[in-house]
N, C-alpha and C. Protein backbone atom coordinates (compact mmCIF):
# COMPACT_ATOMS: atom_id res chain seq x y z
N MET A 1 -22.22 -8.02 -8.52
CA MET A 1 -21.30 -7.24 -9.32
C MET A 1 -20.01 -7.03 -8.51
N PRO A 2 -18.85 -7.30 -9.10
CA PRO A 2 -17.59 -7.12 -8.38
C PRO A 2 -17.34 -5.65 -8.06
N ASP A 3 -16.65 -5.43 -6.96
CA ASP A 3 -16.29 -4.08 -6.53
C ASP A 3 -15.31 -3.48 -7.53
N PRO A 4 -15.61 -2.29 -8.09
CA PRO A 4 -14.69 -1.68 -9.06
C PRO A 4 -13.40 -1.18 -8.40
N ASN A 5 -13.41 -0.99 -7.08
CA ASN A 5 -12.23 -0.53 -6.36
C ASN A 5 -11.97 -1.46 -5.17
N PRO A 6 -11.48 -2.67 -5.44
CA PRO A 6 -11.21 -3.60 -4.36
C PRO A 6 -9.99 -3.17 -3.55
N THR A 7 -9.85 -3.72 -2.37
CA THR A 7 -8.64 -3.45 -1.61
C THR A 7 -7.49 -4.23 -2.26
N VAL A 8 -6.29 -3.79 -1.99
CA VAL A 8 -5.13 -4.51 -2.50
C VAL A 8 -5.12 -5.92 -1.90
N GLY A 9 -5.56 -6.05 -0.66
CA GLY A 9 -5.64 -7.36 -0.04
C GLY A 9 -6.60 -8.29 -0.77
N GLU A 10 -7.72 -7.76 -1.22
CA GLU A 10 -8.67 -8.56 -2.01
C GLU A 10 -8.05 -8.98 -3.33
N LEU A 11 -7.32 -8.06 -3.96
CA LEU A 11 -6.63 -8.40 -5.21
C LEU A 11 -5.56 -9.45 -4.95
N PHE A 12 -4.89 -9.36 -3.80
CA PHE A 12 -3.86 -10.32 -3.42
C PHE A 12 -4.48 -11.71 -3.23
N LYS A 13 -5.61 -11.77 -2.53
CA LYS A 13 -6.30 -13.05 -2.32
C LYS A 13 -6.74 -13.66 -3.65
N ALA A 14 -7.14 -12.81 -4.58
CA ALA A 14 -7.59 -13.28 -5.89
C ALA A 14 -6.41 -13.58 -6.82
N LYS A 15 -5.20 -13.42 -6.30
CA LYS A 15 -3.96 -13.65 -7.05
C LYS A 15 -3.79 -12.70 -8.23
N ALA A 16 -4.43 -11.53 -8.15
CA ALA A 16 -4.26 -10.49 -9.16
C ALA A 16 -3.08 -9.60 -8.83
N VAL A 17 -2.64 -9.64 -7.57
CA VAL A 17 -1.46 -8.90 -7.10
C VAL A 17 -0.56 -9.92 -6.41
N THR A 18 0.73 -9.85 -6.72
CA THR A 18 1.68 -10.78 -6.12
C THR A 18 2.34 -10.17 -4.89
N ASP A 19 2.98 -11.02 -4.12
CA ASP A 19 3.74 -10.57 -2.97
C ASP A 19 4.85 -9.61 -3.41
N GLU A 20 5.46 -9.90 -4.54
CA GLU A 20 6.52 -9.03 -5.06
C GLU A 20 5.99 -7.64 -5.39
N GLN A 21 4.77 -7.56 -5.93
CA GLN A 21 4.18 -6.27 -6.26
C GLN A 21 3.87 -5.46 -4.99
N VAL A 22 3.41 -6.14 -3.96
CA VAL A 22 3.14 -5.45 -2.69
C VAL A 22 4.47 -4.97 -2.10
N ASN A 23 5.49 -5.82 -2.12
CA ASN A 23 6.80 -5.42 -1.62
C ASN A 23 7.37 -4.25 -2.41
N ALA A 24 7.16 -4.25 -3.72
CA ALA A 24 7.64 -3.15 -4.55
C ALA A 24 6.93 -1.84 -4.18
N ALA A 25 5.66 -1.93 -3.82
CA ALA A 25 4.92 -0.74 -3.40
C ALA A 25 5.48 -0.21 -2.08
N VAL A 26 5.85 -1.11 -1.17
CA VAL A 26 6.45 -0.69 0.10
C VAL A 26 7.77 0.03 -0.17
N VAL A 27 8.59 -0.54 -1.02
CA VAL A 27 9.88 0.07 -1.37
C VAL A 27 9.66 1.42 -2.03
N ALA A 28 8.67 1.51 -2.92
CA ALA A 28 8.37 2.77 -3.59
C ALA A 28 7.95 3.84 -2.59
N TYR A 29 7.13 3.45 -1.60
CA TYR A 29 6.72 4.42 -0.57
C TYR A 29 7.93 4.87 0.24
N LEU A 30 8.78 3.94 0.63
CA LEU A 30 9.96 4.30 1.42
C LEU A 30 10.89 5.24 0.64
N ALA A 31 10.96 5.05 -0.67
CA ALA A 31 11.80 5.91 -1.50
C ALA A 31 11.20 7.30 -1.68
N ASP A 32 9.86 7.37 -1.71
CA ASP A 32 9.17 8.66 -1.90
C ASP A 32 7.82 8.61 -1.21
N PRO A 33 7.75 9.07 0.07
CA PRO A 33 6.49 9.03 0.82
C PRO A 33 5.40 9.94 0.27
N THR A 34 5.71 10.75 -0.71
CA THR A 34 4.69 11.62 -1.30
C THR A 34 4.09 11.03 -2.57
N LEU A 35 4.53 9.82 -2.94
CA LEU A 35 4.08 9.18 -4.18
C LEU A 35 2.58 8.97 -4.15
N ASP A 36 1.90 9.55 -5.14
CA ASP A 36 0.44 9.45 -5.14
C ASP A 36 -0.11 8.52 -6.21
N ALA A 37 0.69 8.08 -7.15
CA ALA A 37 0.19 7.17 -8.18
C ALA A 37 1.22 6.06 -8.40
N HIS A 38 0.86 4.88 -7.95
CA HIS A 38 1.75 3.73 -8.12
C HIS A 38 0.93 2.61 -8.76
N ALA A 39 1.41 2.12 -9.89
CA ALA A 39 0.72 1.01 -10.57
C ALA A 39 0.99 -0.26 -9.76
N ILE A 40 -0.01 -0.72 -9.04
CA ILE A 40 0.16 -1.90 -8.20
C ILE A 40 0.11 -3.18 -9.02
N THR A 41 -0.70 -3.19 -10.07
CA THR A 41 -0.80 -4.30 -11.01
C THR A 41 -1.47 -3.79 -12.27
N ASP A 42 -1.50 -4.59 -13.30
CA ASP A 42 -2.14 -4.17 -14.55
C ASP A 42 -3.58 -3.77 -14.29
N GLY A 43 -3.92 -2.54 -14.64
CA GLY A 43 -5.29 -2.06 -14.52
C GLY A 43 -5.64 -1.41 -13.20
N TYR A 44 -4.72 -1.41 -12.23
CA TYR A 44 -5.00 -0.81 -10.92
C TYR A 44 -3.81 0.02 -10.45
N SER A 45 -4.13 1.17 -9.87
CA SER A 45 -3.09 1.99 -9.26
C SER A 45 -3.50 2.30 -7.82
N LEU A 46 -2.54 2.82 -7.08
CA LEU A 46 -2.76 3.08 -5.67
C LEU A 46 -2.04 4.37 -5.28
N ASP A 47 -2.73 5.20 -4.53
CA ASP A 47 -2.14 6.42 -3.97
C ASP A 47 -1.44 5.99 -2.68
N LEU A 48 -0.13 5.77 -2.76
CA LEU A 48 0.61 5.26 -1.61
C LEU A 48 0.61 6.24 -0.44
N ALA A 49 0.78 7.52 -0.73
CA ALA A 49 0.80 8.52 0.34
C ALA A 49 -0.53 8.53 1.09
N ALA A 50 -1.63 8.47 0.37
CA ALA A 50 -2.95 8.47 0.99
C ALA A 50 -3.21 7.16 1.75
N ALA A 51 -2.70 6.05 1.22
CA ALA A 51 -2.89 4.76 1.89
C ALA A 51 -2.27 4.77 3.28
N VAL A 52 -1.06 5.28 3.39
CA VAL A 52 -0.38 5.33 4.69
C VAL A 52 -1.00 6.41 5.57
N ALA A 53 -1.26 7.57 5.00
CA ALA A 53 -1.84 8.67 5.78
C ALA A 53 -3.24 8.31 6.31
N GLY A 54 -3.96 7.49 5.57
CA GLY A 54 -5.32 7.11 5.96
C GLY A 54 -5.39 5.95 6.94
N HIS A 55 -4.27 5.38 7.26
CA HIS A 55 -4.22 4.26 8.20
C HIS A 55 -3.53 4.75 9.46
N GLY A 56 -4.29 4.96 10.50
CA GLY A 56 -3.80 5.59 11.72
C GLY A 56 -2.53 4.98 12.30
N TRP A 57 -2.51 3.65 12.44
CA TRP A 57 -1.35 3.00 13.01
C TRP A 57 -0.12 3.17 12.12
N ALA A 58 -0.29 2.96 10.81
CA ALA A 58 0.84 3.09 9.89
C ALA A 58 1.39 4.52 9.91
N LYS A 59 0.50 5.48 9.92
CA LYS A 59 0.92 6.89 9.95
C LYS A 59 1.73 7.16 11.22
N GLN A 60 1.28 6.63 12.33
CA GLN A 60 1.96 6.85 13.61
C GLN A 60 3.33 6.17 13.61
N VAL A 61 3.41 4.94 13.12
CA VAL A 61 4.67 4.21 13.10
C VAL A 61 5.67 4.87 12.17
N VAL A 62 5.24 5.24 10.97
CA VAL A 62 6.13 5.86 9.99
C VAL A 62 6.68 7.19 10.53
N GLY A 63 5.86 7.90 11.28
CA GLY A 63 6.28 9.19 11.83
C GLY A 63 7.12 9.09 13.08
N ASN A 64 7.30 7.89 13.60
CA ASN A 64 8.05 7.70 14.84
C ASN A 64 9.52 7.41 14.51
N PRO A 65 10.43 8.33 14.84
CA PRO A 65 11.84 8.10 14.51
C PRO A 65 12.46 6.93 15.28
N GLU A 66 11.81 6.49 16.35
CA GLU A 66 12.34 5.37 17.13
C GLU A 66 11.84 4.02 16.64
N ALA A 67 10.89 4.01 15.71
CA ALA A 67 10.37 2.75 15.17
C ALA A 67 11.43 2.09 14.29
N SER A 68 11.54 0.78 14.40
CA SER A 68 12.53 0.05 13.61
C SER A 68 12.14 0.02 12.14
N PRO A 69 13.11 -0.14 11.25
CA PRO A 69 12.80 -0.24 9.82
C PRO A 69 11.83 -1.39 9.51
N ASN A 70 11.97 -2.52 10.21
CA ASN A 70 11.06 -3.65 9.96
C ASN A 70 9.64 -3.33 10.40
N LEU A 71 9.49 -2.63 11.51
CA LEU A 71 8.15 -2.24 11.95
C LEU A 71 7.53 -1.27 10.96
N LYS A 72 8.33 -0.33 10.46
CA LYS A 72 7.82 0.62 9.46
C LYS A 72 7.38 -0.11 8.20
N ARG A 73 8.20 -1.06 7.73
CA ARG A 73 7.84 -1.81 6.53
C ARG A 73 6.53 -2.58 6.73
N GLY A 74 6.39 -3.19 7.90
CA GLY A 74 5.17 -3.94 8.19
C GLY A 74 3.94 -3.05 8.26
N ALA A 75 4.10 -1.88 8.85
CA ALA A 75 2.98 -0.94 8.94
C ALA A 75 2.58 -0.43 7.56
N ILE A 76 3.57 -0.13 6.74
CA ILE A 76 3.30 0.35 5.37
C ILE A 76 2.62 -0.76 4.57
N ARG A 77 3.11 -1.98 4.70
CA ARG A 77 2.51 -3.12 3.98
C ARG A 77 1.05 -3.30 4.40
N THR A 78 0.77 -3.21 5.69
CA THR A 78 -0.60 -3.34 6.17
C THR A 78 -1.49 -2.26 5.57
N ALA A 79 -1.00 -1.01 5.58
CA ALA A 79 -1.78 0.10 5.01
C ALA A 79 -2.06 -0.13 3.53
N ILE A 80 -1.06 -0.63 2.82
CA ILE A 80 -1.23 -0.88 1.38
C ILE A 80 -2.27 -1.99 1.15
N LEU A 81 -2.17 -3.07 1.90
CA LEU A 81 -3.12 -4.18 1.72
C LEU A 81 -4.55 -3.79 2.03
N LEU A 82 -4.73 -2.84 2.95
CA LEU A 82 -6.08 -2.41 3.32
C LEU A 82 -6.62 -1.27 2.44
N ALA A 83 -5.75 -0.67 1.65
CA ALA A 83 -6.15 0.46 0.80
C ALA A 83 -6.93 -0.02 -0.43
N ARG A 84 -7.78 0.84 -0.91
CA ARG A 84 -8.56 0.53 -2.12
C ARG A 84 -7.78 0.96 -3.36
N ALA A 85 -7.60 0.02 -4.26
CA ALA A 85 -6.94 0.29 -5.53
C ALA A 85 -7.93 0.97 -6.47
N GLN A 86 -7.43 1.82 -7.31
CA GLN A 86 -8.26 2.52 -8.30
C GLN A 86 -8.07 1.86 -9.67
N LYS A 87 -9.16 1.54 -10.30
CA LYS A 87 -9.11 0.96 -11.64
C LYS A 87 -8.67 2.05 -12.63
N VAL A 88 -7.72 1.71 -13.46
CA VAL A 88 -7.24 2.68 -14.47
C VAL A 88 -7.57 2.22 -15.87
């Protein structure tokens, strides 16, 4: 039986989520780090704030004022890909 809450990375591998959708989620997080409901793809949403807060490295990088914008984007993207999407 398929996992009802796959990771975004699993959805990406299955081609259910595109690179553009992951990038849009990164941009959405950067625009509003408190965003808790983001439609990552049809039928799935993601709590972006919880995804970053729940990933130790990403949380540390995002909170570091000396971290470069590219490093922050990469850390956020990693947290998003490892987060579990919620079926809606």
